[in-house]
Structure formats: structure tokens, C-alpha cells
Amino acid sequence: MRSEPRLPPQALEAEQSVLGGLLLESSRWDDVSEQLSLEDFYTRSHREIFQAISALQGQNEAVDVVTAAEWLERNSQLASAGGLEYLGELANNTPGTANLMAYVGIVRERAILRRLITATSEIAEKAYNPGGEAVGEILDYAEQQVFRIAETDRWDKNGFAPIQGLLTAAIDRIEELYQSGSSVTGVPTGFSDLDDLTSGLQPADLVVNAGRPLMGKPAWQ
């Protein structure tokens, strides 16, 4: 009895919701693009639509159903992307963007699973046909392939941070320092000359207390 071929992991409804959300509210692009890339979409049509949105964002142009359709038409991709009607369906069938990042997470998880399947298939092929490679070399190859996928996932989660939050924190810190009215913005050392040079010991500073014996190092503790 022949088994039916299995489809790779996918989440077409989640992909549609992500694209529809971006067509409705393009201001969410930065949030989405930090987590998803073109290759994370399963279908060709969705990859082409995502590419259109990305290109429009890069050109600082408005993003909606009409502008995306025009970009796809200029690049001879409108028909393969599903046409203007499909773009309209994506926007109309998406109720809002409140759950957008949840849909992004689903799309991303399926993409990682597909990469794992591809990697393990390549590893299996090497195991069946080593071509003179030593077992240790094949093991190293397998480890590298899986590690690369894991590192990509880890970097995307913990690498870049949205600039809005960083700017807000920086502005709040500047305002706090301005309101304090003191030149010492960190922890004072008790040595006025040193405090004038360093503005005090700052958060995340690595302070090395070094000197010859009997020079008073314990006074810092």
C-alpha cells in the first residue's frame, strides 16, 4: 500500500493574516520584518506579495492593496501573486492587527520546521551515500546544519531590538540626568577628582581596582 506524500509544515491562513495585516496597517512592518523573511512564506504567491510590501517600504511609499498590486504588475508578478482580487481578499478577510505577531510566530515556526526537514534530508542523503567521507565528517556536517538553524532562530529572537523602545529609554534617561542637576550621574566614589573625570560609576561599568600592596585598595570595598 502506497502512502500519500506528506506536505511540508505550513500555515497558509497565518500567512494570509500576516500579509493582510500589513496591507491594512503598514506601520507594523518593522515588527514583522524583524521576525520574518521572504523565504519563511510557503507559497510563491505569498512570497511575491511580501516582496512587494518590502520593496514599497524600502522606497518609503504607501502600502495598501492598490500600491502592492501596481508594484506586482510593474514586475510582471501580479498574476502569479493571485491578482488584485486576491490582494483584496487578504485585506478584507483580516479583521485587524491585534493578533498580528501571533500569526507571525506561527509562520516562523512552520518555516523553521521546513528548514529542519530539508537539513535532515540532506544529512540522510550523506549517510546513505557518504562518497568517501568519514563518519566523523558526516557527523560534523549534521551538527553544523542543525546548529545553523538553531542559531538563526536564537539571533532573530534575541538579536535586534525595536528602536522605538531604545529611544524612549534613552530620552527618559537624558531627562532624568538633566533634572538631577548634578555632574555625578552614577555612584559617587568619594574622590572628587575621580568623580569629575568619570561622573561616577555607571551601570554596566567594569571597574578594576588595581594597585601595589598597601596602597589602600580595601578603602573602595
N, C-alpha and C. Protein backbone atom coordinates (compact mmCIF):
# COMPACT_ATOMS: atom_id res chain seq x y z
N MET A 1 0.85 -1.19 0.00
CA MET A 1 0.00 0.00 0.00
C MET A 1 0.88 1.24 0.00
N ARG A 2 0.67 2.11 -1.00
CA ARG A 2 1.49 3.31 -1.11
C ARG A 2 0.96 4.39 -0.17
N SER A 3 1.88 5.01 0.56
CA SER A 3 1.48 6.10 1.45
C SER A 3 1.42 7.41 0.66
N GLU A 4 0.49 8.25 1.04
CA GLU A 4 0.35 9.55 0.39
C GLU A 4 1.53 10.44 0.77
N PRO A 5 2.06 11.21 -0.20
CA PRO A 5 3.16 12.12 0.14
C PRO A 5 2.70 13.16 1.15
N ARG A 6 3.55 13.44 2.10
CA ARG A 6 3.20 14.39 3.14
C ARG A 6 3.61 15.80 2.73
N LEU A 7 2.75 16.75 3.00
CA LEU A 7 3.07 18.15 2.72
C LEU A 7 4.00 18.68 3.81
N PRO A 8 4.91 19.55 3.45
CA PRO A 8 5.77 20.18 4.46
C PRO A 8 4.92 21.00 5.44
N PRO A 9 5.42 21.25 6.64
CA PRO A 9 4.68 22.08 7.60
C PRO A 9 4.39 23.45 7.00
N GLN A 10 3.18 23.93 7.20
CA GLN A 10 2.77 25.20 6.63
C GLN A 10 1.60 25.74 7.43
N ALA A 11 1.34 27.02 7.25
CA ALA A 11 0.20 27.66 7.91
C ALA A 11 -0.29 28.76 6.98
N LEU A 12 -1.02 28.36 5.95
CA LEU A 12 -1.44 29.31 4.92
C LEU A 12 -2.35 30.39 5.48
N GLU A 13 -3.23 30.01 6.41
CA GLU A 13 -4.13 31.01 6.99
C GLU A 13 -3.35 32.06 7.77
N ALA A 14 -2.32 31.62 8.49
CA ALA A 14 -1.49 32.57 9.23
C ALA A 14 -0.72 33.47 8.27
N GLU A 15 -0.21 32.90 7.18
CA GLU A 15 0.49 33.71 6.19
C GLU A 15 -0.45 34.76 5.61
N GLN A 16 -1.68 34.36 5.30
CA GLN A 16 -2.65 35.30 4.77
C GLN A 16 -2.95 36.41 5.77
N SER A 17 -3.04 36.06 7.04
CA SER A 17 -3.33 37.06 8.07
C SER A 17 -2.18 38.04 8.23
N VAL A 18 -0.94 37.56 8.11
CA VAL A 18 0.21 38.45 8.20
C VAL A 18 0.21 39.43 7.04
N LEU A 19 0.03 38.93 5.83
CA LEU A 19 0.03 39.80 4.65
C LEU A 19 -1.15 40.76 4.68
N GLY A 20 -2.33 40.25 5.05
CA GLY A 20 -3.49 41.12 5.15
C GLY A 20 -3.30 42.21 6.19
N GLY A 21 -2.68 41.85 7.32
CA GLY A 21 -2.42 42.85 8.35
C GLY A 21 -1.49 43.94 7.87
N LEU A 22 -0.47 43.57 7.10
CA LEU A 22 0.46 44.57 6.58
C LEU A 22 -0.20 45.46 5.54
N LEU A 23 -1.11 44.90 4.75
CA LEU A 23 -1.83 45.71 3.77
C LEU A 23 -2.78 46.68 4.46
N LEU A 24 -3.28 46.29 5.62
CA LEU A 24 -4.18 47.17 6.38
C LEU A 24 -3.42 48.21 7.19
N GLU A 25 -2.30 47.80 7.78
CA GLU A 25 -1.55 48.67 8.69
C GLU A 25 -0.06 48.47 8.45
N SER A 26 0.46 49.19 7.48
CA SER A 26 1.87 49.01 7.10
C SER A 26 2.83 49.49 8.17
N SER A 27 2.34 50.25 9.16
CA SER A 27 3.21 50.72 10.24
C SER A 27 3.74 49.56 11.08
N ARG A 28 3.16 48.38 10.94
CA ARG A 28 3.64 47.21 11.68
C ARG A 28 4.78 46.50 10.95
N TRP A 29 5.24 47.06 9.85
CA TRP A 29 6.27 46.40 9.04
C TRP A 29 7.52 46.09 9.85
N ASP A 30 8.01 47.06 10.63
CA ASP A 30 9.25 46.83 11.37
C ASP A 30 9.13 45.63 12.31
N ASP A 31 7.98 45.52 12.98
CA ASP A 31 7.78 44.39 13.89
C ASP A 31 7.82 43.06 13.13
N VAL A 32 7.17 43.04 11.98
CA VAL A 32 7.08 41.79 11.22
C VAL A 32 8.41 41.43 10.58
N SER A 33 9.06 42.42 9.96
CA SER A 33 10.30 42.14 9.22
C SER A 33 11.45 41.73 10.13
N GLU A 34 11.36 42.05 11.43
CA GLU A 34 12.38 41.58 12.36
C GLU A 34 12.27 40.08 12.61
N GLN A 35 11.10 39.51 12.34
CA GLN A 35 10.87 38.10 12.65
C GLN A 35 10.75 37.22 11.40
N LEU A 36 10.34 37.80 10.28
CA LEU A 36 10.10 37.01 9.08
C LEU A 36 10.93 37.50 7.91
N SER A 37 11.31 36.58 7.05
CA SER A 37 11.99 36.91 5.80
C SER A 37 11.17 36.33 4.65
N LEU A 38 11.57 36.65 3.44
CA LEU A 38 10.85 36.20 2.25
C LEU A 38 10.70 34.69 2.22
N GLU A 39 11.78 33.98 2.58
CA GLU A 39 11.79 32.52 2.48
C GLU A 39 10.90 31.84 3.52
N ASP A 40 10.42 32.59 4.51
CA ASP A 40 9.59 31.99 5.55
C ASP A 40 8.17 31.69 5.06
N PHE A 41 7.78 32.28 3.92
CA PHE A 41 6.44 32.04 3.39
C PHE A 41 6.46 30.80 2.50
N TYR A 42 5.43 29.99 2.63
CA TYR A 42 5.41 28.69 1.96
C TYR A 42 5.08 28.80 0.48
N THR A 43 4.09 29.59 0.13
CA THR A 43 3.66 29.66 -1.26
C THR A 43 4.38 30.77 -2.01
N ARG A 44 4.52 30.55 -3.32
CA ARG A 44 5.17 31.55 -4.17
C ARG A 44 4.39 32.86 -4.16
N SER A 45 3.06 32.77 -4.22
CA SER A 45 2.25 33.99 -4.26
C SER A 45 2.47 34.83 -3.01
N HIS A 46 2.55 34.18 -1.86
CA HIS A 46 2.75 34.93 -0.62
C HIS A 46 4.15 35.53 -0.56
N ARG A 47 5.13 34.81 -1.09
CA ARG A 47 6.49 35.38 -1.13
C ARG A 47 6.52 36.62 -2.02
N GLU A 48 5.81 36.57 -3.13
CA GLU A 48 5.80 37.72 -4.04
C GLU A 48 5.10 38.92 -3.41
N ILE A 49 4.01 38.68 -2.71
CA ILE A 49 3.30 39.78 -2.05
C ILE A 49 4.16 40.38 -0.94
N PHE A 50 4.82 39.52 -0.17
CA PHE A 50 5.71 40.02 0.88
C PHE A 50 6.85 40.83 0.27
N GLN A 51 7.36 40.37 -0.86
CA GLN A 51 8.43 41.10 -1.54
C GLN A 51 7.94 42.47 -1.99
N ALA A 52 6.72 42.55 -2.49
CA ALA A 52 6.16 43.83 -2.91
C ALA A 52 6.04 44.79 -1.74
N ILE A 53 5.54 44.30 -0.62
CA ILE A 53 5.41 45.15 0.57
C ILE A 53 6.78 45.62 1.04
N SER A 54 7.75 44.72 1.03
CA SER A 54 9.11 45.07 1.44
C SER A 54 9.69 46.15 0.54
N ALA A 55 9.50 46.00 -0.78
CA ALA A 55 10.04 46.98 -1.72
C ALA A 55 9.38 48.34 -1.54
N LEU A 56 8.08 48.37 -1.35
CA LEU A 56 7.38 49.64 -1.14
C LEU A 56 7.85 50.31 0.15
N GLN A 57 8.04 49.52 1.20
CA GLN A 57 8.55 50.07 2.45
C GLN A 57 9.94 50.65 2.26
N GLY A 58 10.79 49.94 1.51
CA GLY A 58 12.14 50.42 1.28
C GLY A 58 12.19 51.70 0.49
N GLN A 59 11.16 51.96 -0.31
CA GLN A 59 11.08 53.19 -1.11
C GLN A 59 10.26 54.27 -0.42
N ASN A 60 9.86 54.01 0.83
CA ASN A 60 9.05 54.96 1.61
C ASN A 60 7.76 55.32 0.88
N GLU A 61 7.16 54.34 0.22
CA GLU A 61 5.89 54.55 -0.46
C GLU A 61 4.76 53.96 0.36
N ALA A 62 3.56 54.44 0.09
CA ALA A 62 2.38 53.92 0.79
C ALA A 62 2.18 52.45 0.44
N VAL A 63 1.71 51.70 1.43
CA VAL A 63 1.46 50.27 1.23
C VAL A 63 -0.02 49.99 1.44
N ASP A 64 -0.68 49.53 0.40
CA ASP A 64 -2.06 49.07 0.50
C ASP A 64 -2.32 48.13 -0.67
N VAL A 65 -3.55 47.73 -0.83
CA VAL A 65 -3.88 46.78 -1.89
C VAL A 65 -3.53 47.33 -3.27
N VAL A 66 -3.85 48.60 -3.50
CA VAL A 66 -3.63 49.20 -4.82
C VAL A 66 -2.14 49.34 -5.13
N THR A 67 -1.37 49.89 -4.19
CA THR A 67 0.06 50.10 -4.46
C THR A 67 0.80 48.78 -4.58
N ALA A 68 0.40 47.79 -3.77
CA ALA A 68 1.04 46.47 -3.88
C ALA A 68 0.74 45.85 -5.24
N ALA A 69 -0.51 45.98 -5.69
CA ALA A 69 -0.89 45.44 -6.99
C ALA A 69 -0.12 46.13 -8.11
N GLU A 70 0.04 47.44 -8.01
CA GLU A 70 0.78 48.18 -9.03
C GLU A 70 2.24 47.74 -9.08
N TRP A 71 2.85 47.53 -7.90
CA TRP A 71 4.25 47.09 -7.88
C TRP A 71 4.37 45.70 -8.51
N LEU A 72 3.47 44.83 -8.17
CA LEU A 72 3.50 43.47 -8.73
C LEU A 72 3.28 43.51 -10.24
N GLU A 73 2.40 44.37 -10.70
CA GLU A 73 2.15 44.50 -12.14
C GLU A 73 3.40 44.99 -12.86
N ARG A 74 4.07 45.99 -12.29
CA ARG A 74 5.29 46.52 -12.91
C ARG A 74 6.37 45.45 -13.01
N ASN A 75 6.36 44.52 -12.07
CA ASN A 75 7.39 43.48 -12.04
C ASN A 75 6.88 42.15 -12.61
N SER A 76 5.77 42.22 -13.33
CA SER A 76 5.21 41.04 -14.01
C SER A 76 4.94 39.88 -13.04
N GLN A 77 4.44 40.23 -11.85
CA GLN A 77 4.17 39.20 -10.85
C GLN A 77 2.72 39.21 -10.36
N LEU A 78 1.91 40.11 -10.88
CA LEU A 78 0.56 40.25 -10.33
C LEU A 78 -0.26 38.98 -10.54
N ALA A 79 -0.17 38.40 -11.72
CA ALA A 79 -0.96 37.19 -11.99
C ALA A 79 -0.52 36.03 -11.11
N SER A 80 0.79 35.82 -10.98
CA SER A 80 1.28 34.70 -10.16
C SER A 80 1.04 34.93 -8.68
N ALA A 81 0.87 36.20 -8.28
CA ALA A 81 0.60 36.51 -6.87
C ALA A 81 -0.88 36.37 -6.54
N GLY A 82 -1.72 36.09 -7.54
CA GLY A 82 -3.14 35.90 -7.30
C GLY A 82 -4.02 36.98 -7.84
N GLY A 83 -3.41 38.08 -8.31
CA GLY A 83 -4.19 39.16 -8.89
C GLY A 83 -4.71 40.14 -7.86
N LEU A 84 -5.29 41.22 -8.36
CA LEU A 84 -5.84 42.26 -7.48
C LEU A 84 -6.94 41.71 -6.58
N GLU A 85 -7.72 40.78 -7.11
CA GLU A 85 -8.81 40.20 -6.33
C GLU A 85 -8.28 39.49 -5.08
N TYR A 86 -7.19 38.75 -5.23
CA TYR A 86 -6.64 38.02 -4.08
C TYR A 86 -6.07 38.99 -3.04
N LEU A 87 -5.42 40.06 -3.51
CA LEU A 87 -4.91 41.06 -2.57
C LEU A 87 -6.06 41.68 -1.78
N GLY A 88 -7.17 41.95 -2.48
CA GLY A 88 -8.34 42.49 -1.79
C GLY A 88 -8.89 41.52 -0.77
N GLU A 89 -8.90 40.22 -1.10
CA GLU A 89 -9.37 39.22 -0.15
C GLU A 89 -8.50 39.18 1.09
N LEU A 90 -7.18 39.29 0.91
CA LEU A 90 -6.28 39.27 2.06
C LEU A 90 -6.61 40.39 3.03
N ALA A 91 -6.84 41.58 2.49
CA ALA A 91 -7.14 42.73 3.35
C ALA A 91 -8.53 42.61 3.96
N ASN A 92 -9.51 42.21 3.16
CA ASN A 92 -10.89 42.16 3.64
C ASN A 92 -11.12 41.04 4.65
N ASN A 93 -10.38 39.95 4.53
CA ASN A 93 -10.59 38.81 5.42
C ASN A 93 -9.76 38.90 6.70
N THR A 94 -8.99 39.97 6.84
CA THR A 94 -8.20 40.17 8.06
C THR A 94 -8.91 41.19 8.93
N PRO A 95 -9.43 40.78 10.10
CA PRO A 95 -10.22 41.69 10.92
C PRO A 95 -9.43 42.83 11.54
N GLY A 96 -8.14 42.66 11.71
CA GLY A 96 -7.32 43.69 12.34
C GLY A 96 -5.91 43.17 12.57
N THR A 97 -5.13 43.95 13.30
CA THR A 97 -3.73 43.58 13.52
C THR A 97 -3.43 43.29 14.99
N ALA A 98 -4.46 43.15 15.80
CA ALA A 98 -4.23 42.92 17.23
C ALA A 98 -3.45 41.63 17.47
N ASN A 99 -3.71 40.60 16.66
CA ASN A 99 -3.03 39.31 16.83
C ASN A 99 -1.95 39.08 15.78
N LEU A 100 -1.49 40.15 15.16
CA LEU A 100 -0.54 40.02 14.05
C LEU A 100 0.71 39.25 14.44
N MET A 101 1.31 39.59 15.58
CA MET A 101 2.57 38.95 15.96
C MET A 101 2.37 37.48 16.33
N ALA A 102 1.16 37.13 16.75
CA ALA A 102 0.88 35.71 17.00
C ALA A 102 0.89 34.94 15.67
N TYR A 103 0.32 35.55 14.63
CA TYR A 103 0.36 34.92 13.31
C TYR A 103 1.79 34.84 12.79
N VAL A 104 2.56 35.89 13.03
CA VAL A 104 3.97 35.89 12.63
C VAL A 104 4.71 34.72 13.27
N GLY A 105 4.44 34.49 14.56
CA GLY A 105 5.09 33.39 15.26
C GLY A 105 4.75 32.03 14.66
N ILE A 106 3.50 31.87 14.24
CA ILE A 106 3.09 30.60 13.62
C ILE A 106 3.81 30.39 12.30
N VAL A 107 3.85 31.44 11.47
CA VAL A 107 4.53 31.34 10.17
C VAL A 107 6.00 31.00 10.38
N ARG A 108 6.59 31.64 11.35
CA ARG A 108 8.02 31.43 11.61
C ARG A 108 8.30 29.99 12.08
N GLU A 109 7.46 29.49 12.97
CA GLU A 109 7.65 28.12 13.45
C GLU A 109 7.57 27.10 12.32
N ARG A 110 6.60 27.28 11.43
CA ARG A 110 6.47 26.34 10.30
C ARG A 110 7.69 26.43 9.38
N ALA A 111 8.21 27.64 9.19
CA ALA A 111 9.39 27.80 8.34
C ALA A 111 10.60 27.10 8.94
N ILE A 112 10.76 27.18 10.25
CA ILE A 112 11.87 26.50 10.92
C ILE A 112 11.74 24.99 10.77
N LEU A 113 10.53 24.49 10.90
CA LEU A 113 10.31 23.04 10.73
C LEU A 113 10.66 22.61 9.31
N ARG A 114 10.32 23.43 8.32
CA ARG A 114 10.67 23.08 6.93
C ARG A 114 12.18 23.07 6.74
N ARG A 115 12.87 24.02 7.36
CA ARG A 115 14.34 24.03 7.26
C ARG A 115 14.94 22.78 7.91
N LEU A 116 14.35 22.36 9.03
CA LEU A 116 14.83 21.15 9.68
C LEU A 116 14.63 19.93 8.79
N ILE A 117 13.49 19.86 8.12
CA ILE A 117 13.23 18.74 7.22
C ILE A 117 14.24 18.73 6.08
N THR A 118 14.51 19.90 5.51
CA THR A 118 15.49 19.99 4.43
C THR A 118 16.87 19.56 4.91
N ALA A 119 17.25 20.06 6.09
CA ALA A 119 18.58 19.73 6.63
C ALA A 119 18.71 18.24 6.91
N THR A 120 17.69 17.66 7.53
CA THR A 120 17.78 16.23 7.87
C THR A 120 17.74 15.36 6.61
N SER A 121 17.04 15.82 5.57
CA SER A 121 17.05 15.07 4.30
C SER A 121 18.44 15.07 3.69
N GLU A 122 19.12 16.22 3.76
CA GLU A 122 20.48 16.29 3.23
C GLU A 122 21.44 15.43 4.06
N ILE A 123 21.22 15.43 5.37
CA ILE A 123 22.05 14.59 6.25
C ILE A 123 21.83 13.11 5.93
N ALA A 124 20.57 12.73 5.74
CA ALA A 124 20.26 11.33 5.41
C ALA A 124 20.89 10.93 4.08
N GLU A 125 20.87 11.84 3.10
CA GLU A 125 21.47 11.55 1.81
C GLU A 125 22.97 11.30 1.95
N LYS A 126 23.62 12.12 2.78
CA LYS A 126 25.05 11.91 3.02
C LYS A 126 25.31 10.58 3.72
N ALA A 127 24.41 10.21 4.64
CA ALA A 127 24.59 8.95 5.36
C ALA A 127 24.40 7.75 4.42
N TYR A 128 23.44 7.85 3.49
CA TYR A 128 23.24 6.77 2.53
C TYR A 128 24.37 6.70 1.50
N ASN A 129 24.86 7.88 1.12
CA ASN A 129 25.91 7.95 0.09
C ASN A 129 27.07 8.80 0.61
N PRO A 130 27.89 8.26 1.48
CA PRO A 130 28.96 9.05 2.09
C PRO A 130 30.00 9.55 1.10
N GLY A 131 30.14 8.90 -0.02
CA GLY A 131 31.09 9.37 -1.03
C GLY A 131 32.51 9.47 -0.53
N GLY A 132 32.91 8.54 0.32
CA GLY A 132 34.28 8.54 0.81
C GLY A 132 34.50 9.38 2.06
N GLU A 133 33.48 10.11 2.50
CA GLU A 133 33.63 10.92 3.71
C GLU A 133 33.62 10.02 4.94
N ALA A 134 34.43 10.40 5.92
CA ALA A 134 34.46 9.66 7.18
C ALA A 134 33.19 9.94 7.97
N VAL A 135 32.86 9.01 8.86
CA VAL A 135 31.67 9.18 9.68
C VAL A 135 31.76 10.46 10.51
N GLY A 136 32.96 10.74 11.02
CA GLY A 136 33.14 11.95 11.81
C GLY A 136 32.83 13.21 11.02
N GLU A 137 33.20 13.22 9.74
CA GLU A 137 32.92 14.38 8.89
C GLU A 137 31.42 14.55 8.66
N ILE A 138 30.73 13.43 8.49
CA ILE A 138 29.29 13.50 8.30
C ILE A 138 28.60 13.98 9.57
N LEU A 139 29.09 13.52 10.71
CA LEU A 139 28.54 13.99 11.98
C LEU A 139 28.76 15.48 12.15
N ASP A 140 29.95 15.95 11.79
CA ASP A 140 30.24 17.39 11.87
C ASP A 140 29.30 18.17 10.96
N TYR A 141 29.07 17.65 9.76
CA TYR A 141 28.17 18.31 8.82
C TYR A 141 26.75 18.38 9.40
N ALA A 142 26.29 17.27 9.98
CA ALA A 142 24.95 17.23 10.56
C ALA A 142 24.82 18.24 11.69
N GLU A 143 25.84 18.30 12.53
CA GLU A 143 25.82 19.24 13.65
C GLU A 143 25.78 20.68 13.15
N GLN A 144 26.56 20.98 12.14
CA GLN A 144 26.61 22.34 11.60
C GLN A 144 25.26 22.76 11.02
N GLN A 145 24.61 21.84 10.30
CA GLN A 145 23.33 22.18 9.68
C GLN A 145 22.27 22.50 10.73
N VAL A 146 22.17 21.66 11.74
CA VAL A 146 21.16 21.89 12.78
C VAL A 146 21.53 23.11 13.62
N PHE A 147 22.82 23.27 13.92
CA PHE A 147 23.26 24.41 14.72
C PHE A 147 22.97 25.72 14.00
N ARG A 148 23.14 25.74 12.67
CA ARG A 148 22.89 26.96 11.91
C ARG A 148 21.42 27.38 12.02
N ILE A 149 20.53 26.41 11.95
CA ILE A 149 19.10 26.72 12.08
C ILE A 149 18.80 27.23 13.49
N ALA A 150 19.37 26.58 14.50
CA ALA A 150 19.14 26.99 15.88
C ALA A 150 19.69 28.38 16.14
N GLU A 151 20.87 28.68 15.60
CA GLU A 151 21.48 30.00 15.80
C GLU A 151 20.66 31.09 15.13
N THR A 152 20.15 30.81 13.94
CA THR A 152 19.32 31.79 13.24
C THR A 152 18.08 32.10 14.05
N ASP A 153 17.45 31.07 14.60
CA ASP A 153 16.26 31.27 15.42
C ASP A 153 16.58 32.06 16.67
N ARG A 154 17.71 31.73 17.31
CA ARG A 154 18.09 32.42 18.54
C ARG A 154 18.43 33.88 18.28
N TRP A 155 19.12 34.15 17.17
CA TRP A 155 19.51 35.52 16.85
C TRP A 155 18.28 36.37 16.55
N ASP A 156 17.33 35.80 15.79
CA ASP A 156 16.15 36.56 15.45
C ASP A 156 15.32 36.90 16.69
N LYS A 157 15.38 36.04 17.70
CA LYS A 157 14.61 36.30 18.91
C LYS A 157 15.31 37.29 19.83
N ASN A 158 16.64 37.21 19.89
CA ASN A 158 17.37 37.99 20.89
C ASN A 158 18.34 39.00 20.31
N GLY A 159 18.41 39.10 19.00
CA GLY A 159 19.41 39.97 18.38
C GLY A 159 19.01 41.43 18.40
N PHE A 160 18.33 41.88 17.35
CA PHE A 160 17.95 43.28 17.24
C PHE A 160 16.77 43.58 18.16
N ALA A 161 16.73 44.84 18.62
CA ALA A 161 15.61 45.30 19.43
C ALA A 161 14.95 46.47 18.71
N PRO A 162 13.62 46.61 18.81
CA PRO A 162 12.94 47.73 18.15
C PRO A 162 13.51 49.06 18.63
N ILE A 163 13.78 49.97 17.70
CA ILE A 163 14.44 51.22 18.05
C ILE A 163 13.53 52.12 18.88
N GLN A 164 12.19 51.97 18.72
CA GLN A 164 11.29 52.83 19.47
C GLN A 164 11.52 52.69 20.97
N GLY A 165 11.61 51.45 21.44
CA GLY A 165 11.81 51.23 22.87
C GLY A 165 13.15 51.74 23.35
N LEU A 166 14.19 51.56 22.54
CA LEU A 166 15.51 52.05 22.91
C LEU A 166 15.55 53.56 22.98
N LEU A 167 14.91 54.22 22.01
CA LEU A 167 14.89 55.68 22.01
C LEU A 167 14.12 56.22 23.21
N THR A 168 13.00 55.59 23.52
CA THR A 168 12.22 56.04 24.68
C THR A 168 13.03 55.93 25.96
N ALA A 169 13.73 54.81 26.14
CA ALA A 169 14.55 54.62 27.34
C ALA A 169 15.69 55.64 27.39
N ALA A 170 16.30 55.91 26.24
CA ALA A 170 17.40 56.88 26.20
C ALA A 170 16.92 58.28 26.53
N ILE A 171 15.77 58.67 25.97
CA ILE A 171 15.23 60.01 26.25
C ILE A 171 14.86 60.15 27.72
N ASP A 172 14.26 59.11 28.28
CA ASP A 172 13.91 59.15 29.71
C ASP A 172 15.16 59.30 30.57
N ARG A 173 16.23 58.62 30.20
CA ARG A 173 17.48 58.71 30.97
C ARG A 173 18.09 60.10 30.85
N ILE A 174 18.07 60.67 29.66
CA ILE A 174 18.60 62.03 29.48
C ILE A 174 17.80 63.03 30.30
N GLU A 175 16.48 62.90 30.29
CA GLU A 175 15.63 63.79 31.07
C GLU A 175 15.92 63.64 32.57
N GLU A 176 16.11 62.41 33.02
CA GLU A 176 16.43 62.17 34.43
C GLU A 176 17.74 62.84 34.83
N LEU A 177 18.75 62.72 33.98
CA LEU A 177 20.05 63.33 34.28
C LEU A 177 19.95 64.85 34.28
N TYR A 178 19.17 65.39 33.36
CA TYR A 178 19.02 66.85 33.29
C TYR A 178 18.33 67.38 34.54
N GLN A 179 17.30 66.68 35.00
CA GLN A 179 16.56 67.12 36.16
C GLN A 179 17.36 66.99 37.45
N SER A 180 18.34 66.09 37.48
CA SER A 180 19.10 65.89 38.72
C SER A 180 19.97 67.09 39.06
N GLY A 181 20.45 67.80 38.05
CA GLY A 181 21.27 68.99 38.30
C GLY A 181 22.64 68.69 38.84
N SER A 182 23.08 67.44 38.80
CA SER A 182 24.39 67.06 39.33
C SER A 182 25.27 66.55 38.20
N SER A 183 26.56 66.83 38.32
CA SER A 183 27.51 66.33 37.31
C SER A 183 27.84 64.86 37.54
N VAL A 184 27.53 64.35 38.72
CA VAL A 184 27.77 62.94 39.02
C VAL A 184 26.49 62.18 38.71
N THR A 185 26.50 61.46 37.62
CA THR A 185 25.30 60.75 37.17
C THR A 185 25.26 59.29 37.60
N GLY A 186 26.37 58.80 38.14
CA GLY A 186 26.43 57.43 38.61
C GLY A 186 26.62 57.37 40.11
N VAL A 187 27.25 56.31 40.57
CA VAL A 187 27.52 56.14 42.00
C VAL A 187 28.81 56.89 42.34
N PRO A 188 28.76 57.86 43.27
CA PRO A 188 29.98 58.61 43.61
C PRO A 188 31.00 57.72 44.31
N THR A 189 32.27 57.97 44.03
CA THR A 189 33.34 57.19 44.64
C THR A 189 33.83 57.80 45.94
N GLY A 190 33.51 59.07 46.17
CA GLY A 190 34.06 59.76 47.33
C GLY A 190 35.34 60.50 47.01
N PHE A 191 35.89 60.29 45.82
CA PHE A 191 37.08 61.01 45.36
C PHE A 191 36.63 62.02 44.32
N SER A 192 36.60 63.30 44.69
CA SER A 192 36.01 64.32 43.82
C SER A 192 36.70 64.40 42.47
N ASP A 193 38.03 64.29 42.46
CA ASP A 193 38.74 64.38 41.17
C ASP A 193 38.34 63.23 40.25
N LEU A 194 38.22 62.03 40.82
CA LEU A 194 37.83 60.88 40.01
C LEU A 194 36.39 61.01 39.54
N ASP A 195 35.52 61.51 40.43
CA ASP A 195 34.12 61.69 40.04
C ASP A 195 33.98 62.72 38.92
N ASP A 196 34.83 63.76 38.95
CA ASP A 196 34.79 64.75 37.87
C ASP A 196 35.17 64.12 36.53
N LEU A 197 36.08 63.16 36.57
CA LEU A 197 36.52 62.52 35.33
C LEU A 197 35.51 61.49 34.82
N THR A 198 34.88 60.78 35.73
CA THR A 198 34.03 59.65 35.33
C THR A 198 32.54 59.91 35.47
N SER A 199 32.16 61.00 36.16
CA SER A 199 30.76 61.27 36.51
C SER A 199 30.18 60.17 37.39
N GLY A 200 31.06 59.49 38.14
CA GLY A 200 30.62 58.40 39.00
C GLY A 200 30.68 57.07 38.28
N LEU A 201 30.48 56.01 39.04
CA LEU A 201 30.48 54.66 38.47
C LEU A 201 29.13 54.40 37.81
N GLN A 202 29.16 54.10 36.50
CA GLN A 202 27.94 53.98 35.72
C GLN A 202 27.46 52.53 35.66
N PRO A 203 26.16 52.33 35.45
CA PRO A 203 25.64 50.97 35.29
C PRO A 203 26.36 50.24 34.16
N ALA A 204 26.66 48.98 34.38
CA ALA A 204 27.34 48.11 33.41
C ALA A 204 28.82 48.41 33.27
N ASP A 205 29.35 49.36 34.05
CA ASP A 205 30.79 49.60 34.03
C ASP A 205 31.54 48.41 34.64
N LEU A 206 32.68 48.09 34.08
CA LEU A 206 33.58 47.11 34.67
C LEU A 206 34.69 47.89 35.36
N VAL A 207 34.71 47.87 36.68
CA VAL A 207 35.67 48.66 37.45
C VAL A 207 36.76 47.74 37.98
N VAL A 208 37.99 48.02 37.62
CA VAL A 208 39.14 47.25 38.07
C VAL A 208 39.88 48.08 39.12
N ASN A 209 39.95 47.55 40.32
CA ASN A 209 40.64 48.22 41.43
C ASN A 209 42.02 47.59 41.56
N ALA A 210 43.03 48.26 41.02
CA ALA A 210 44.38 47.69 40.98
C ALA A 210 45.38 48.65 41.62
N GLY A 211 46.42 48.09 42.16
CA GLY A 211 47.47 48.91 42.76
C GLY A 211 48.47 48.04 43.49
N ARG A 212 49.58 48.64 43.87
CA ARG A 212 50.59 47.90 44.62
C ARG A 212 50.09 47.60 46.03
N PRO A 213 50.68 46.64 46.72
CA PRO A 213 50.27 46.33 48.10
C PRO A 213 50.36 47.57 48.99
N LEU A 214 49.44 47.62 49.97
CA LEU A 214 49.42 48.67 50.98
C LEU A 214 49.17 50.05 50.39
N MET A 215 48.43 50.11 49.27
CA MET A 215 48.12 51.40 48.66
C MET A 215 46.68 51.83 48.94
N GLY A 216 45.94 51.08 49.77
CA GLY A 216 44.60 51.50 50.15
C GLY A 216 43.47 50.94 49.31
N LYS A 217 43.71 49.84 48.62
CA LYS A 217 42.65 49.26 47.79
C LYS A 217 41.41 48.88 48.60
N PRO A 218 41.54 48.35 49.84
CA PRO A 218 40.32 47.98 50.59
C PRO A 218 39.41 49.16 50.88
N ALA A 219 39.91 50.39 50.77
CA ALA A 219 39.06 51.54 51.04
C ALA A 219 37.91 51.64 50.04
N TRP A 220 38.04 50.99 48.89
CA TRP A 220 36.99 51.02 47.88
C TRP A 220 35.88 50.03 48.19
N GLN A 221 36.13 49.07 49.03
CA GLN A 221 35.17 47.99 49.23
C GLN A 221 34.09 48.38 50.24
